[in-house]
């Protein structure tokens, strides 16, 4: 059992997954009640010195019927800038208004070959739709669905193309010439 406490906050609380930790480790977060706002997903910010091997994220309401979140593949740490952190989305509801969440489970099926540090864990919430009177007259970098905000819908669109390199594989169906 991994001795952890608190929620990684990007400041004082970090979770260390030590080298040699065997596969099969699970961390369950109990919010003690269903969150009052619908949850779209969460973002896990990892120290890039060592990323955990592939892991899964599940979520559940009060009924503890877990569902699988969408998590992109982890990149090779050797291809990332040193001494930075990598935000990785876990998407619970790529479209719609979010879902009621009480429990979140992080599942690590493989042994840790190096220490891995989770620096921050943030939930993302449904923010409400634009109304008919709201017209987005701005170009916002990262706003892939043009709704005047960068939110989990944009992350879901981006995650669908995570680590695709059209210079390496121009025949990938997602690589469209301009």
C-alpha atoms as a PDB file:
ATOM      1  CA  UNK A   1       0.000   0.000   0.000  1.00  0.00           C
ATOM      2  CA  UNK A   2       1.374   3.383  -1.027  1.00  0.00           C
ATOM      3  CA  UNK A   3       1.530   5.878   1.890  1.00  0.00           C
ATOM      4  CA  UNK A   4       0.004   9.095   0.508  1.00  0.00           C
ATOM      5  CA  UNK A   5      -2.033  11.899   2.021  1.00  0.00           C
ATOM      6  CA  UNK A   6      -3.646  15.062   0.760  1.00  0.00           C
ATOM      7  CA  UNK A   7      -4.191  15.909  -2.892  1.00  0.00           C
ATOM      8  CA  UNK A   8      -1.213  17.070  -4.991  1.00  0.00           C
ATOM      9  CA  UNK A   9      -1.634  20.837  -5.130  1.00  0.00           C
ATOM     10  CA  UNK A  10       1.320  22.000  -7.218  1.00  0.00           C
ATOM     11  CA  UNK A  11       2.898  23.601  -4.153  1.00  0.00           C
ATOM     12  CA  UNK A  12       3.318  21.642  -0.933  1.00  0.00           C
ATOM     13  CA  UNK A  13       1.725  18.231  -1.530  1.00  0.00           C
ATOM     14  CA  UNK A  14       3.249  15.784  -4.044  1.00  0.00           C
ATOM     15  CA  UNK A  15       2.693  12.058  -4.426  1.00  0.00           C
ATOM     16  CA  UNK A  16       5.849   9.994  -4.886  1.00  0.00           C
ATOM     17  CA  UNK A  17       5.589   6.655  -6.657  1.00  0.00           C
ATOM     18  CA  UNK A  18       8.995   5.161  -5.819  1.00  0.00           C
ATOM     19  CA  UNK A  19      11.235   3.163  -8.108  1.00  0.00           C
ATOM     20  CA  UNK A  20      10.514  -0.537  -7.678  1.00  0.00           C
ATOM     21  CA  UNK A  21       6.851  -0.032  -6.715  1.00  0.00           C
ATOM     22  CA  UNK A  22       5.222  -3.159  -8.138  1.00  0.00           C
ATOM     23  CA  UNK A  23       2.518  -3.068 -10.780  1.00  0.00           C
ATOM     24  CA  UNK A  24      -1.079  -3.357  -9.695  1.00  0.00           C
ATOM     25  CA  UNK A  25      -0.964  -0.298  -7.418  1.00  0.00           C
ATOM     26  CA  UNK A  26      -4.281   1.589  -7.104  1.00  0.00           C
ATOM     27  CA  UNK A  27      -5.049   4.946  -5.512  1.00  0.00           C
ATOM     28  CA  UNK A  28      -8.703   5.688  -4.711  1.00  0.00           C
ATOM     29  CA  UNK A  29      -9.773   9.271  -4.035  1.00  0.00           C
ATOM     30  CA  UNK A  30     -13.037   9.554  -2.100  1.00  0.00           C
ATOM     31  CA  UNK A  31     -14.537  13.050  -2.227  1.00  0.00           C
ATOM     32  CA  UNK A  32     -16.828  11.982   0.672  1.00  0.00           C
ATOM     33  CA  UNK A  33     -19.897  12.979  -1.355  1.00  0.00           C
ATOM     34  CA  UNK A  34     -20.822  13.501  -4.995  1.00  0.00           C
ATOM     35  CA  UNK A  35     -19.194  16.736  -6.124  1.00  0.00           C
ATOM     36  CA  UNK A  36     -21.800  19.537  -6.338  1.00  0.00           C
ATOM     37  CA  UNK A  37     -20.752  20.493  -9.890  1.00  0.00           C
ATOM     38  CA  UNK A  38     -20.693  18.081 -12.850  1.00  0.00           C
ATOM     39  CA  UNK A  39     -17.110  16.987 -13.495  1.00  0.00           C
ATOM     40  CA  UNK A  40     -15.724  16.979 -17.052  1.00  0.00           C
ATOM     41  CA  UNK A  41     -12.427  15.370 -16.076  1.00  0.00           C
ATOM     42  CA  UNK A  42      -9.189  16.059 -14.337  1.00  0.00           C
ATOM     43  CA  UNK A  43      -5.631  17.033 -15.104  1.00  0.00           C
ATOM     44  CA  UNK A  44      -2.660  15.221 -13.606  1.00  0.00           C
ATOM     45  CA  UNK A  45       0.601  17.165 -13.681  1.00  0.00           C
ATOM     46  CA  UNK A  46       3.652  14.880 -13.589  1.00  0.00           C
ATOM     47  CA  UNK A  47       7.312  15.785 -13.088  1.00  0.00           C
ATOM     48  CA  UNK A  48       8.925  14.964 -16.441  1.00  0.00           C
ATOM     49  CA  UNK A  49      12.096  13.451 -14.956  1.00  0.00           C
ATOM     50  CA  UNK A  50      10.254  10.116 -14.883  1.00  0.00           C
ATOM     51  CA  UNK A  51       6.701   9.483 -16.026  1.00  0.00           C
ATOM     52  CA  UNK A  52       4.784   6.423 -14.903  1.00  0.00           C
ATOM     53  CA  UNK A  53       4.267   3.682 -17.455  1.00  0.00           C
ATOM     54  CA  UNK A  54       0.779   3.579 -18.946  1.00  0.00           C
ATOM     55  CA  UNK A  55      -1.871   4.022 -16.300  1.00  0.00           C
ATOM     56  CA  UNK A  56      -5.655   4.157 -16.183  1.00  0.00           C
ATOM     57  CA  UNK A  57      -8.089   6.537 -14.518  1.00  0.00           C
ATOM     58  CA  UNK A  58     -11.628   5.547 -13.555  1.00  0.00           C
ATOM     59  CA  UNK A  59     -14.420   7.568 -11.952  1.00  0.00           C
ATOM     60  CA  UNK A  60     -17.708   6.763 -10.211  1.00  0.00           C
ATOM     61  CA  UNK A  61     -20.676   8.389  -8.551  1.00  0.00           C
ATOM     62  CA  UNK A  62     -22.057   7.364  -5.161  1.00  0.00           C
ATOM     63  CA  UNK A  63     -23.002   3.940  -6.596  1.00  0.00           C
ATOM     64  CA  UNK A  64     -19.291   3.057  -7.099  1.00  0.00           C
ATOM     65  CA  UNK A  65     -19.985   1.863 -10.668  1.00  0.00           C
ATOM     66  CA  UNK A  66     -16.632   2.827 -12.163  1.00  0.00           C
ATOM     67  CA  UNK A  67     -16.264   4.061 -15.742  1.00  0.00           C
ATOM     68  CA  UNK A  68     -13.061   4.427 -17.731  1.00  0.00           C
ATOM     69  CA  UNK A  69     -11.684   7.932 -18.371  1.00  0.00           C
ATOM     70  CA  UNK A  70      -9.902   8.820 -21.614  1.00  0.00           C
ATOM     71  CA  UNK A  71      -6.159   9.193 -20.923  1.00  0.00           C
ATOM     72  CA  UNK A  72      -3.631   9.765 -23.741  1.00  0.00           C
ATOM     73  CA  UNK A  73      -0.494   7.632 -24.002  1.00  0.00           C
ATOM     74  CA  UNK A  74       2.410   8.909 -21.955  1.00  0.00           C
ATOM     75  CA  UNK A  75       5.262  10.319 -24.068  1.00  0.00           C
ATOM     76  CA  UNK A  76       8.872   9.236 -23.772  1.00  0.00           C
ATOM     77  CA  UNK A  77      10.396  11.404 -20.981  1.00  0.00           C
ATOM     78  CA  UNK A  78      13.631  11.622 -23.015  1.00  0.00           C
ATOM     79  CA  UNK A  79      11.764  13.699 -25.622  1.00  0.00           C
ATOM     80  CA  UNK A  80      10.519  16.279 -23.110  1.00  0.00           C
ATOM     81  CA  UNK A  81      12.265  19.392 -21.774  1.00  0.00           C
ATOM     82  CA  UNK A  82      14.047  18.632 -18.478  1.00  0.00           C
ATOM     83  CA  UNK A  83      12.878  20.006 -15.131  1.00  0.00           C
ATOM     84  CA  UNK A  84       9.366  20.766 -16.271  1.00  0.00           C
ATOM     85  CA  UNK A  85       6.007  19.246 -15.571  1.00  0.00           C
ATOM     86  CA  UNK A  86       3.646  17.568 -17.989  1.00  0.00           C
ATOM     87  CA  UNK A  87      -0.114  18.101 -17.642  1.00  0.00           C
ATOM     88  CA  UNK A  88      -1.995  14.981 -18.753  1.00  0.00           C
ATOM     89  CA  UNK A  89      -5.781  15.114 -19.112  1.00  0.00           C
ATOM     90  CA  UNK A  90      -8.113  12.379 -17.914  1.00  0.00           C
ATOM     91  CA  UNK A  91     -11.414  13.063 -19.642  1.00  0.00           C
ATOM     92  CA  UNK A  92     -14.609  11.851 -17.974  1.00  0.00           C
ATOM     93  CA  UNK A  93     -17.166  13.520 -20.287  1.00  0.00           C
ATOM     94  CA  UNK A  94     -15.731  14.663 -23.644  1.00  0.00           C
ATOM     95  CA  UNK A  95     -19.100  16.133 -24.597  1.00  0.00           C
ATOM     96  CA  UNK A  96     -22.156  17.095 -22.623  1.00  0.00           C
ATOM     97  CA  UNK A  97     -22.464  18.665 -19.227  1.00  0.00           C
ATOM     98  CA  UNK A  98     -20.097  16.552 -17.141  1.00  0.00           C
ATOM     99  CA  UNK A  99     -20.939  13.721 -14.777  1.00  0.00           C
ATOM    100  CA  UNK A 100     -21.563  13.352 -11.043  1.00  0.00           C
ATOM    101  CA  UNK A 101     -18.340  12.128  -9.391  1.00  0.00           C
ATOM    102  CA  UNK A 102     -17.564  10.937  -5.875  1.00  0.00           C
ATOM    103  CA  UNK A 103     -14.714   8.470  -6.459  1.00  0.00           C
ATOM    104  CA  UNK A 104     -11.651   8.573  -8.690  1.00  0.00           C
ATOM    105  CA  UNK A 105      -9.321   5.591  -9.064  1.00  0.00           C
ATOM    106  CA  UNK A 106      -5.784   5.785 -10.486  1.00  0.00           C
ATOM    107  CA  UNK A 107      -4.541   2.349 -11.567  1.00  0.00           C
ATOM    108  CA  UNK A 108      -0.902   1.593 -12.326  1.00  0.00           C
ATOM    109  CA  UNK A 109      -0.579  -1.845 -13.966  1.00  0.00           C
ATOM    110  CA  UNK A 110       3.223  -1.816 -14.418  1.00  0.00           C
ATOM    111  CA  UNK A 111       6.128  -1.599 -11.981  1.00  0.00           C
ATOM    112  CA  UNK A 112       7.828   1.772 -11.624  1.00  0.00           C
ATOM    113  CA  UNK A 113      11.330   1.718 -13.130  1.00  0.00           C
ATOM    114  CA  UNK A 114      12.147   5.174 -11.731  1.00  0.00           C
ATOM    115  CA  UNK A 115      10.672   7.489  -9.116  1.00  0.00           C
ATOM    116  CA  UNK A 116       7.603   9.283 -10.509  1.00  0.00           C
ATOM    117  CA  UNK A 117       6.136  12.397  -8.889  1.00  0.00           C
ATOM    118  CA  UNK A 118       2.550  13.574  -9.307  1.00  0.00           C
ATOM    119  CA  UNK A 119       2.821  17.303  -8.619  1.00  0.00           C
ATOM    120  CA  UNK A 120      -0.760  18.422  -9.068  1.00  0.00           C
ATOM    121  CA  UNK A 121      -4.237  16.992  -9.554  1.00  0.00           C
ATOM    122  CA  UNK A 122      -7.043  19.325 -10.639  1.00  0.00           C
ATOM    123  CA  UNK A 123     -10.655  18.597 -11.423  1.00  0.00           C
ATOM    124  CA  UNK A 124     -12.283  20.281 -14.427  1.00  0.00           C
ATOM    125  CA  UNK A 125     -15.949  21.223 -14.221  1.00  0.00           C
ATOM    126  CA  UNK A 126     -18.763  21.958 -16.631  1.00  0.00           C
ATOM    127  CA  UNK A 127     -18.887  25.746 -17.076  1.00  0.00           C
ATOM    128  CA  UNK A 128     -22.249  26.039 -18.786  1.00  0.00           C
ATOM    129  CA  UNK A 129     -23.016  26.698 -22.441  1.00  0.00           C
ATOM    130  CA  UNK A 130     -22.755  29.969 -24.292  1.00  0.00           C
ATOM    131  CA  UNK A 131     -26.170  31.603 -24.506  1.00  0.00           C
ATOM    132  CA  UNK A 132     -27.672  32.884 -27.764  1.00  0.00           C
ATOM    133  CA  UNK A 133     -26.800  36.420 -26.693  1.00  0.00           C
ATOM    134  CA  UNK A 134     -23.119  35.508 -26.288  1.00  0.00           C
ATOM    135  CA  UNK A 135     -21.216  35.872 -29.521  1.00  0.00           C
ATOM    136  CA  UNK A 136     -17.569  34.917 -29.445  1.00  0.00           C
ATOM    137  CA  UNK A 137     -15.737  37.563 -31.419  1.00  0.00           C
ATOM    138  CA  UNK A 138     -12.274  36.516 -30.253  1.00  0.00           C
ATOM    139  CA  UNK A 139      -9.563  34.217 -31.550  1.00  0.00           C
ATOM    140  CA  UNK A 140      -8.377  32.335 -28.450  1.00  0.00           C
ATOM    141  CA  UNK A 141      -5.354  30.051 -28.860  1.00  0.00           C
ATOM    142  CA  UNK A 142      -6.346  26.583 -27.649  1.00  0.00           C
ATOM    143  CA  UNK A 143     -10.087  27.137 -28.220  1.00  0.00           C
ATOM    144  CA  UNK A 144     -10.485  24.376 -30.795  1.00  0.00           C
ATOM    145  CA  UNK A 145     -14.310  24.365 -30.819  1.00  0.00           C
ATOM    146  CA  UNK A 146     -14.627  28.185 -31.028  1.00  0.00           C
ATOM    147  CA  UNK A 147     -16.832  28.638 -27.950  1.00  0.00           C
ATOM    148  CA  UNK A 148     -14.688  31.455 -26.483  1.00  0.00           C
ATOM    149  CA  UNK A 149     -13.166  29.331 -23.730  1.00  0.00           C
ATOM    150  CA  UNK A 150     -10.439  26.741 -23.488  1.00  0.00           C
ATOM    151  CA  UNK A 151     -12.024  23.812 -21.686  1.00  0.00           C
ATOM    152  CA  UNK A 152     -12.140  20.020 -21.647  1.00  0.00           C
ATOM    153  CA  UNK A 153     -13.931  19.873 -24.996  1.00  0.00           C
ATOM    154  CA  UNK A 154     -10.802  21.420 -26.499  1.00  0.00           C
ATOM    155  CA  UNK A 155      -8.602  19.004 -24.539  1.00  0.00           C
ATOM    156  CA  UNK A 156     -10.664  16.066 -25.861  1.00  0.00           C
ATOM    157  CA  UNK A 157     -10.191  17.323 -29.432  1.00  0.00           C
ATOM    158  CA  UNK A 158      -6.460  17.709 -28.850  1.00  0.00           C
ATOM    159  CA  UNK A 159      -6.134  14.345 -27.064  1.00  0.00           C
ATOM    160  CA  UNK A 160      -7.531  12.645 -30.168  1.00  0.00           C
ATOM    161  CA  UNK A 161      -4.381  13.770 -31.994  1.00  0.00           C
ATOM    162  CA  UNK A 162      -1.952  13.270 -29.083  1.00  0.00           C
ATOM    163  CA  UNK A 163       1.593  12.521 -30.299  1.00  0.00           C
ATOM    164  CA  UNK A 164       0.638  12.234 -33.984  1.00  0.00           C
ATOM    165  CA  UNK A 165       3.597  13.455 -36.041  1.00  0.00           C
ATOM    166  CA  UNK A 166       2.597  14.179 -39.653  1.00  0.00           C
ATOM    167  CA  UNK A 167       6.233  14.690 -40.640  1.00  0.00           C
ATOM    168  CA  UNK A 168       7.010  11.105 -39.560  1.00  0.00           C
ATOM    169  CA  UNK A 169       3.733   9.524 -40.734  1.00  0.00           C
ATOM    170  CA  UNK A 170       2.112  11.746 -43.392  1.00  0.00           C
ATOM    171  CA  UNK A 171      -0.279   8.909 -44.330  1.00  0.00           C
ATOM    172  CA  UNK A 172      -2.021   9.082 -40.947  1.00  0.00           C
ATOM    173  CA  UNK A 173      -5.701   9.848 -41.715  1.00  0.00           C
ATOM    174  CA  UNK A 174      -5.607  12.765 -39.245  1.00  0.00           C
ATOM    175  CA  UNK A 175      -2.836  14.484 -41.268  1.00  0.00           C
ATOM    176  CA  UNK A 176      -4.710  16.687 -43.760  1.00  0.00           C
ATOM    177  CA  UNK A 177      -2.732  18.846 -46.198  1.00  0.00           C
ATOM    178  CA  UNK A 178      -3.434  22.564 -46.058  1.00  0.00           C
END
